[in-house]
Amino acid sequence: MGDRKDIHNSDIPVLCRACEARHRGICGALNPDELQKLSKHTVKRTATRKEELVHEEDEVHSYSNILSGAVKLTKLMPDGRQQIVGLQFAPDFLGRPFIKESNFGAEVAVDVRLCSFPKDVLETMLHENPELENRLLRQVLDELDEARQWMLVLGRMTAKEKVASFLSLIADHIDPEHEGDSVTFELPLSRAEIADYLGLTIETVSRQFTALRKDGLVEIEGNRHVVVPDREALKDATGV
């Protein structure tokens, strides 16, 4: 995963050597001295499913790189309901720089490993390093592109295409280093959450899972374990 020559590079902090997000995430814009500076304030940790990482409207004190797993972004509605508004995977950046309070909540969807650092340290480095700022901007724009694509999914696709698009999204992002036609993963959302996310009923989601299974596009074991034999075939089923 990543560029393993870092393992033997004494200029790279021990914390950063062989890091999965080291080259693909925002840290790829940092030189060894900058990595040393950031690593002095960095903590790597794991978080399990349903653990709340960010509470909506909490004051922002830190940011994180997602190293593995999945995080769901949520928005609390006035009537108390929680709406899932997005999913994040490695090597996504978790947090919104240069704001005082968080606009969204963040909860672990699939057990994650995170690399976290203080808000003030990163924002200072962003001002000092244009390449770091550029790398973060590109990640934000990629997320914007995905959000616009998801508007198409929600607004124009059939129920089967929506479910296929959701599964294709997970298959492409849950393990970014995975190579090959097939991929196996645990669903990051329950059937009810998938239904809310796609604007469908639970019954419709279940029917479409069954239809995709009968078409040989997915194999489902239990409630959450999914095997996609051919990612391209699943992508074709999205209609895009």
Protein backbone atom coordinates (compact mmCIF):
# COMPACT_ATOMS: atom_id res chain seq x y z
CA MET A 1 0.00 0.00 0.00
CA GLY A 2 1.41 3.35 -0.95
CA ASP A 3 5.15 3.82 -1.59
CA ARG A 4 6.87 1.32 0.69
CA LYS A 5 10.28 2.98 0.29
CA ASP A 6 9.15 5.23 3.15
CA ILE A 7 9.66 2.26 5.47
CA HIS A 8 13.42 2.63 5.03
CA ASN A 9 13.55 6.42 4.78
CA SER A 10 14.89 7.77 8.07
CA ASP A 11 13.78 11.30 7.14
CA ILE A 12 10.13 10.25 7.28
CA PRO A 13 8.58 10.11 10.78
CA VAL A 14 8.02 6.58 12.07
CA LEU A 15 4.30 7.40 12.39
CA CYS A 16 4.12 8.17 8.66
CA ARG A 17 6.15 5.30 7.22
CA ALA A 18 4.04 2.83 5.25
CA CYS A 19 0.92 4.91 6.01
CA GLU A 20 -1.89 3.99 3.61
CA ALA A 21 -2.91 7.63 3.11
CA ARG A 22 0.64 8.99 3.04
CA HIS A 23 0.85 9.51 -0.74
CA ARG A 24 -2.78 9.56 -1.82
CA GLY A 25 -4.03 11.93 0.89
CA ILE A 26 -3.15 15.51 1.73
CA CYS A 27 0.09 14.47 3.47
CA GLY A 28 1.52 13.62 0.07
CA ALA A 29 2.07 17.38 -0.34
CA LEU A 30 4.37 17.57 2.71
CA ASN A 31 8.14 17.25 2.66
CA PRO A 32 9.96 15.26 5.40
CA ASP A 33 10.49 18.34 7.60
CA GLU A 34 6.80 19.24 7.39
CA LEU A 35 5.82 15.65 8.14
CA GLN A 36 8.09 15.74 11.18
CA LYS A 37 6.40 18.93 12.34
CA LEU A 38 2.89 17.56 11.87
CA SER A 39 3.73 14.16 13.38
CA LYS A 40 4.61 15.80 16.70
CA HIS A 41 0.93 16.64 17.09
CA THR A 42 -0.56 13.59 15.36
CA VAL A 43 -2.44 10.71 16.95
CA LYS A 44 -3.43 7.50 15.17
CA ARG A 45 -6.48 5.75 16.55
CA THR A 46 -9.26 3.32 15.71
CA ALA A 47 -12.98 3.84 16.08
CA THR A 48 -15.75 1.26 15.90
CA ARG A 49 -19.12 1.25 14.17
CA LYS A 50 -21.66 3.80 15.44
CA GLU A 51 -19.02 5.78 17.34
CA GLU A 52 -19.62 9.51 16.93
CA LEU A 53 -16.54 11.28 15.60
CA VAL A 54 -17.96 14.75 15.11
CA HIS A 55 -21.10 16.22 16.63
CA GLU A 56 -22.99 18.74 14.54
CA GLU A 57 -22.44 22.34 15.73
CA ASP A 58 -19.55 21.32 18.01
CA GLU A 59 -16.57 23.65 18.01
CA VAL A 60 -13.87 22.32 15.68
CA HIS A 61 -10.59 21.44 17.41
CA SER A 62 -9.07 18.81 15.11
CA TYR A 63 -9.15 17.16 11.70
CA SER A 64 -8.41 13.62 10.54
CA ASN A 65 -7.23 11.61 7.57
CA ILE A 66 -9.26 8.43 7.10
CA LEU A 67 -6.81 5.54 6.73
CA SER A 68 -9.35 2.73 6.34
CA GLY A 69 -13.05 2.01 6.84
CA ALA A 70 -15.99 4.32 6.19
CA VAL A 71 -17.59 7.34 7.84
CA LYS A 72 -21.13 8.59 7.32
CA LEU A 73 -21.84 12.31 7.36
CA THR A 74 -25.17 13.30 8.87
CA LYS A 75 -27.41 16.32 9.25
CA LEU A 76 -29.94 16.69 12.06
CA MET A 77 -33.35 17.85 10.87
CA PRO A 78 -35.57 20.23 12.92
CA ASP A 79 -37.94 17.38 13.87
CA GLY A 80 -35.07 15.34 15.32
CA ARG A 81 -34.59 12.97 12.39
CA GLN A 82 -31.07 12.32 11.18
CA GLN A 83 -30.37 12.37 7.45
CA ILE A 84 -27.28 10.76 5.93
CA VAL A 85 -25.81 13.25 3.46
CA GLY A 86 -22.59 11.53 2.45
CA LEU A 87 -20.03 8.80 2.94
CA GLN A 88 -16.27 9.17 3.28
CA PHE A 89 -13.51 6.60 2.79
CA ALA A 90 -9.70 6.45 2.79
CA PRO A 91 -7.85 8.69 2.03
CA ASP A 92 -10.54 11.34 2.53
CA PHE A 93 -9.99 14.32 4.81
CA LEU A 94 -12.51 14.46 7.65
CA GLY A 95 -13.40 18.00 8.66
CA ARG A 96 -13.96 21.43 7.18
CA PRO A 97 -11.01 23.85 7.58
CA PHE A 98 -11.43 27.49 8.55
CA ILE A 99 -14.80 27.23 10.29
CA LYS A 100 -15.52 27.52 14.01
CA GLU A 101 -18.29 24.93 14.29
CA SER A 102 -18.96 21.73 12.37
CA ASN A 103 -21.77 21.87 9.81
CA PHE A 104 -22.34 18.10 9.86
CA GLY A 105 -22.07 15.20 12.21
CA ALA A 106 -19.76 12.27 11.47
CA GLU A 107 -20.31 8.70 12.65
CA VAL A 108 -18.35 5.51 12.02
CA ALA A 109 -20.13 3.35 9.44
CA VAL A 110 -17.44 0.64 9.14
CA ASP A 111 -14.64 0.40 11.71
CA VAL A 112 -12.11 3.08 10.85
CA ARG A 113 -8.50 3.96 11.49
CA LEU A 114 -7.82 7.67 11.70
CA CYS A 115 -4.82 9.94 11.77
CA SER A 116 -5.84 13.07 13.69
CA PHE A 117 -4.12 16.42 14.21
CA PRO A 118 -5.01 19.77 15.80
CA LYS A 119 -6.93 22.36 13.81
CA ASP A 120 -4.53 25.23 14.43
CA VAL A 121 -1.45 23.22 13.40
CA LEU A 122 -2.93 22.15 10.06
CA GLU A 123 -4.41 25.55 9.23
CA THR A 124 -1.03 27.19 9.84
CA MET A 125 0.59 24.68 7.49
CA LEU A 126 -2.09 25.35 4.87
CA HIS A 127 -1.15 29.03 4.90
CA GLU A 128 2.55 28.18 4.61
CA ASN A 129 2.33 25.44 1.97
CA PRO A 130 0.44 26.18 -1.29
CA GLU A 131 0.81 22.56 -2.45
CA LEU A 132 -0.88 21.30 0.72
CA GLU A 133 -3.69 23.81 0.20
CA ASN A 134 -3.94 22.71 -3.44
CA ARG A 135 -4.07 19.02 -2.47
CA LEU A 136 -6.89 19.68 0.00
CA LEU A 137 -8.75 21.78 -2.58
CA ARG A 138 -8.58 18.91 -5.08
CA GLN A 139 -10.05 16.53 -2.51
CA VAL A 140 -12.86 18.98 -1.79
CA LEU A 141 -13.59 19.37 -5.51
CA ASP A 142 -13.63 15.58 -5.93
CA GLU A 143 -16.23 15.40 -3.16
CA LEU A 144 -18.23 18.14 -4.91
CA ASP A 145 -18.16 16.14 -8.16
CA GLU A 146 -19.38 13.05 -6.30
CA ALA A 147 -22.17 15.07 -4.65
CA ARG A 148 -23.33 16.30 -8.06
CA GLN A 149 -23.20 12.76 -9.41
CA TRP A 150 -25.29 11.64 -6.45
CA MET A 151 -27.91 14.26 -7.34
CA LEU A 152 -28.30 12.38 -10.64
CA VAL A 153 -28.64 9.10 -8.78
CA LEU A 154 -31.36 10.46 -6.50
CA GLY A 155 -33.21 12.48 -9.12
CA ARG A 156 -33.20 10.44 -12.31
CA MET A 157 -32.32 6.79 -11.77
CA THR A 158 -34.62 3.83 -11.33
CA ALA A 159 -34.69 2.00 -7.99
CA LYS A 160 -32.46 -0.76 -9.35
CA GLU A 161 -29.96 1.76 -10.72
CA LYS A 162 -29.91 3.60 -7.38
CA VAL A 163 -29.09 0.46 -5.42
CA ALA A 164 -26.50 -0.59 -8.01
CA SER A 165 -24.94 2.89 -7.81
CA PHE A 166 -24.76 2.68 -4.03
CA LEU A 167 -23.07 -0.72 -4.13
CA SER A 168 -20.71 0.43 -6.88
CA LEU A 169 -19.75 3.45 -4.76
CA ILE A 170 -18.82 1.18 -1.85
CA ALA A 171 -17.00 -1.31 -4.09
CA ASP A 172 -14.84 1.45 -5.59
CA HIS A 173 -14.01 3.24 -2.33
CA ILE A 174 -14.02 0.84 0.62
CA ASP A 175 -10.57 -0.51 -0.23
CA PRO A 176 -8.83 1.97 -2.56
CA GLU A 177 -5.70 -0.19 -2.84
CA HIS A 178 -7.66 -3.26 -3.97
CA GLU A 179 -6.93 -4.52 -7.46
CA GLY A 180 -8.91 -7.00 -9.52
CA ASP A 181 -12.42 -7.42 -10.85
CA SER A 182 -14.03 -8.72 -7.65
CA VAL A 183 -14.28 -7.07 -4.22
CA THR A 184 -15.74 -8.07 -0.86
CA PHE A 185 -16.98 -5.66 1.79
CA GLU A 186 -19.33 -5.11 4.71
CA LEU A 187 -22.22 -2.76 3.99
CA PRO A 188 -21.59 0.51 5.85
CA LEU A 189 -25.31 1.20 6.26
CA SER A 190 -28.33 -0.79 7.41
CA ARG A 191 -31.20 -1.47 4.99
CA ALA A 192 -33.18 1.36 6.61
CA GLU A 193 -30.26 3.77 6.25
CA ILE A 194 -29.72 2.77 2.62
CA ALA A 195 -33.42 3.40 1.97
CA ASP A 196 -33.21 6.89 3.53
CA TYR A 197 -29.98 7.66 1.67
CA LEU A 198 -31.50 6.65 -1.69
CA GLY A 199 -35.00 8.01 -1.12
CA LEU A 200 -36.57 4.53 -1.30
CA THR A 201 -38.54 2.28 1.02
CA ILE A 202 -36.86 -0.59 2.87
CA GLU A 203 -39.00 -3.05 0.90
CA THR A 204 -37.86 -1.58 -2.41
CA VAL A 205 -34.20 -1.74 -1.35
CA SER A 206 -34.62 -5.41 -0.38
CA ARG A 207 -36.31 -6.22 -3.72
CA GLN A 208 -33.50 -4.58 -5.66
CA PHE A 209 -30.85 -6.44 -3.68
CA THR A 210 -32.65 -9.64 -4.62
CA ALA A 211 -32.84 -8.59 -8.29
CA LEU A 212 -29.12 -7.77 -8.41
CA ARG A 213 -28.33 -11.08 -6.75
CA LYS A 214 -30.45 -12.99 -9.29
CA ASP A 215 -28.61 -11.16 -12.07
CA GLY A 216 -25.34 -12.45 -10.65
CA LEU A 217 -24.05 -8.94 -9.94
CA VAL A 218 -23.74 -9.40 -6.17
CA GLU A 219 -23.61 -12.18 -3.62
CA ILE A 220 -25.05 -11.41 -0.19
CA GLU A 221 -24.27 -13.29 3.00
CA GLY A 222 -26.27 -12.34 6.08
CA ASN A 223 -27.34 -8.72 6.33
CA ARG A 224 -24.10 -6.92 5.54
CA HIS A 225 -21.48 -9.11 3.84
CA VAL A 226 -21.41 -8.43 0.10
CA VAL A 227 -19.32 -9.91 -2.70
CA VAL A 228 -19.18 -8.13 -6.06
CA PRO A 229 -17.79 -10.65 -8.61
CA ASP A 230 -17.32 -8.09 -11.37
CA ARG A 231 -17.14 -4.40 -10.54
CA GLU A 232 -17.49 -3.32 -14.18
CA ALA A 233 -20.65 -5.39 -14.62
CA LEU A 234 -22.13 -3.77 -11.52
CA LYS A 235 -21.17 -0.34 -12.82
CA ASP A 236 -22.95 -1.11 -16.10
CA ALA A 237 -26.11 -1.77 -14.08
CA THR A 238 -26.05 1.81 -12.77
CA GLY A 239 -27.04 3.11 -16.20
CA VAL A 240 -24.29 5.76 -16.19
